[in-house]
C-alpha atoms as a PDB file:
ATOM      1  CA  UNK A   1       8.380   9.550   8.244  1.00  0.00           C
ATOM      2  CA  UNK A   2       8.894   8.981  11.973  1.00  0.00           C
ATOM      3  CA  UNK A   3       6.392  11.695  12.888  1.00  0.00           C
ATOM      4  CA  UNK A   4       3.890  10.212  10.455  1.00  0.00           C
ATOM      5  CA  UNK A   5       4.370   6.712  11.901  1.00  0.00           C
ATOM      6  CA  UNK A   6       3.917   7.976  15.452  1.00  0.00           C
ATOM      7  CA  UNK A   7       0.826   9.977  14.502  1.00  0.00           C
ATOM      8  CA  UNK A   8      -0.787   6.979  12.797  1.00  0.00           C
ATOM      9  CA  UNK A   9      -0.119   4.872  15.881  1.00  0.00           C
ATOM     10  CA  UNK A  10      -1.678   7.553  18.090  1.00  0.00           C
ATOM     11  CA  UNK A  11      -4.654   8.653  15.946  1.00  0.00           C
ATOM     12  CA  UNK A  12      -5.270   5.664  13.676  1.00  0.00           C
ATOM     13  CA  UNK A  13      -5.706   5.362   9.930  1.00  0.00           C
ATOM     14  CA  UNK A  14      -8.805   7.555   9.601  1.00  0.00           C
ATOM     15  CA  UNK A  15      -7.575  10.862  11.026  1.00  0.00           C
ATOM     16  CA  UNK A  16      -5.510  12.089   8.068  1.00  0.00           C
ATOM     17  CA  UNK A  17      -6.405  15.773   8.467  1.00  0.00           C
ATOM     18  CA  UNK A  18      -5.397  15.669  12.097  1.00  0.00           C
ATOM     19  CA  UNK A  19      -2.178  13.823  11.248  1.00  0.00           C
ATOM     20  CA  UNK A  20      -1.367  16.277   8.441  1.00  0.00           C
ATOM     21  CA  UNK A  21      -1.706  19.189  10.863  1.00  0.00           C
ATOM     22  CA  UNK A  22       1.321  17.794  12.720  1.00  0.00           C
ATOM     23  CA  UNK A  23       3.461  17.803   9.589  1.00  0.00           C
ATOM     24  CA  UNK A  24       4.647  20.928   7.826  1.00  0.00           C
ATOM     25  CA  UNK A  25       3.541  21.356   4.213  1.00  0.00           C
ATOM     26  CA  UNK A  26       1.889  17.915   3.908  1.00  0.00           C
ATOM     27  CA  UNK A  27      -1.760  17.420   3.056  1.00  0.00           C
ATOM     28  CA  UNK A  28      -4.032  14.741   4.463  1.00  0.00           C
ATOM     29  CA  UNK A  29      -4.004  13.081   1.048  1.00  0.00           C
ATOM     30  CA  UNK A  30      -0.189  13.046   0.946  1.00  0.00           C
ATOM     31  CA  UNK A  31       0.031  11.577   4.455  1.00  0.00           C
ATOM     32  CA  UNK A  32      -2.477   8.855   3.644  1.00  0.00           C
ATOM     33  CA  UNK A  33      -0.696   7.969   0.394  1.00  0.00           C
ATOM     34  CA  UNK A  34       2.725   7.832   2.081  1.00  0.00           C
ATOM     35  CA  UNK A  35       1.358   5.535   4.770  1.00  0.00           C
ATOM     36  CA  UNK A  36      -0.510   3.128   2.527  1.00  0.00           C
ATOM     37  CA  UNK A  37       2.084   3.079  -0.262  1.00  0.00           C
ATOM     38  CA  UNK A  38       5.239   2.734   1.798  1.00  0.00           C
ATOM     39  CA  UNK A  39       5.208   3.066   5.600  1.00  0.00           C
ATOM     40  CA  UNK A  40       2.430   0.640   6.566  1.00  0.00           C
ATOM     41  CA  UNK A  41       4.253  -2.296   8.196  1.00  0.00           C
ATOM     42  CA  UNK A  42       1.825  -4.767   6.608  1.00  0.00           C
ATOM     43  CA  UNK A  43       3.161  -3.910   3.126  1.00  0.00           C
ATOM     44  CA  UNK A  44       5.806  -6.328   1.914  1.00  0.00           C
ATOM     45  CA  UNK A  45       8.927  -4.754   0.473  1.00  0.00           C
ATOM     46  CA  UNK A  46      10.873  -7.946  -0.189  1.00  0.00           C
ATOM     47  CA  UNK A  47      11.448  -9.731  -3.472  1.00  0.00           C
ATOM     48  CA  UNK A  48       8.384 -11.435  -4.922  1.00  0.00           C
ATOM     49  CA  UNK A  49       8.203 -15.178  -4.299  1.00  0.00           C
ATOM     50  CA  UNK A  50       7.111 -17.734  -6.859  1.00  0.00           C
ATOM     51  CA  UNK A  51       3.963 -18.363  -4.795  1.00  0.00           C
ATOM     52  CA  UNK A  52       3.117 -14.653  -4.787  1.00  0.00           C
ATOM     53  CA  UNK A  53       3.593 -14.494  -8.554  1.00  0.00           C
ATOM     54  CA  UNK A  54       1.272 -17.460  -9.058  1.00  0.00           C
ATOM     55  CA  UNK A  55      -1.331 -16.002  -6.705  1.00  0.00           C
ATOM     56  CA  UNK A  56      -1.110 -12.625  -8.439  1.00  0.00           C
ATOM     57  CA  UNK A  57      -1.604 -14.143 -11.890  1.00  0.00           C
ATOM     58  CA  UNK A  58      -4.548 -16.210 -10.638  1.00  0.00           C
ATOM     59  CA  UNK A  59      -6.244 -13.231  -8.967  1.00  0.00           C
ATOM     60  CA  UNK A  60      -5.628 -11.024 -12.005  1.00  0.00           C
ATOM     61  CA  UNK A  61      -7.549 -13.548 -14.116  1.00  0.00           C
ATOM     62  CA  UNK A  62     -10.439 -13.565 -11.644  1.00  0.00           C
ATOM     63  CA  UNK A  63     -10.483  -9.795 -11.098  1.00  0.00           C
ATOM     64  CA  UNK A  64      -8.879  -8.043 -14.070  1.00  0.00           C
ATOM     65  CA  UNK A  65      -7.689  -4.514 -13.245  1.00  0.00           C
ATOM     66  CA  UNK A  66      -8.950  -4.744  -9.643  1.00  0.00           C
ATOM     67  CA  UNK A  67      -5.537  -3.980  -8.152  1.00  0.00           C
ATOM     68  CA  UNK A  68      -6.899  -2.337  -4.997  1.00  0.00           C
ATOM     69  CA  UNK A  69      -8.908  -5.475  -4.282  1.00  0.00           C
ATOM     70  CA  UNK A  70      -6.017  -7.811  -5.090  1.00  0.00           C
ATOM     71  CA  UNK A  71      -3.363  -5.858  -3.165  1.00  0.00           C
ATOM     72  CA  UNK A  72      -4.455  -6.656   0.421  1.00  0.00           C
ATOM     73  CA  UNK A  73      -4.831 -10.341  -0.459  1.00  0.00           C
ATOM     74  CA  UNK A  74      -1.223 -10.413  -1.658  1.00  0.00           C
ATOM     75  CA  UNK A  75       0.047  -8.069   1.070  1.00  0.00           C
ATOM     76  CA  UNK A  76       1.408  -5.519  -1.386  1.00  0.00           C
ATOM     77  CA  UNK A  77       0.253  -2.161  -2.689  1.00  0.00           C
ATOM     78  CA  UNK A  78      -1.933  -1.846  -5.770  1.00  0.00           C
ATOM     79  CA  UNK A  79       0.983  -0.195  -7.574  1.00  0.00           C
ATOM     80  CA  UNK A  80       3.312  -3.077  -6.666  1.00  0.00           C
ATOM     81  CA  UNK A  81       0.778  -5.615  -7.941  1.00  0.00           C
ATOM     82  CA  UNK A  82       0.228  -3.823 -11.237  1.00  0.00           C
ATOM     83  CA  UNK A  83       3.955  -3.356 -11.800  1.00  0.00           C
ATOM     84  CA  UNK A  84       4.694  -7.005 -11.035  1.00  0.00           C
ATOM     85  CA  UNK A  85       1.824  -8.208 -13.223  1.00  0.00           C
ATOM     86  CA  UNK A  86       3.103  -6.192 -16.169  1.00  0.00           C
ATOM     87  CA  UNK A  87       6.606  -7.565 -15.556  1.00  0.00           C
ATOM     88  CA  UNK A  88       5.299 -11.149 -15.582  1.00  0.00           C
ATOM     89  CA  UNK A  89       3.422 -10.776 -18.866  1.00  0.00           C
END
């Protein structure tokens, strides 16, 4: 993970093939997924707040199943948003 973080800082978020070449047995797709699903510092990993829950429910009504659109608004991953939405139902 540390090599991936350093490579993203050096090469940016659009050079996944180049970044993957620095890691053994990891594809560009795997590197990108690891970054955007877990390592990206903008992704919240804390407990969901009441305000986030309300915002999520509101956005899900406006944009049903558009988790990739909703996720950056909430500051979570699409998978986190879907999982939380299903929990709240």
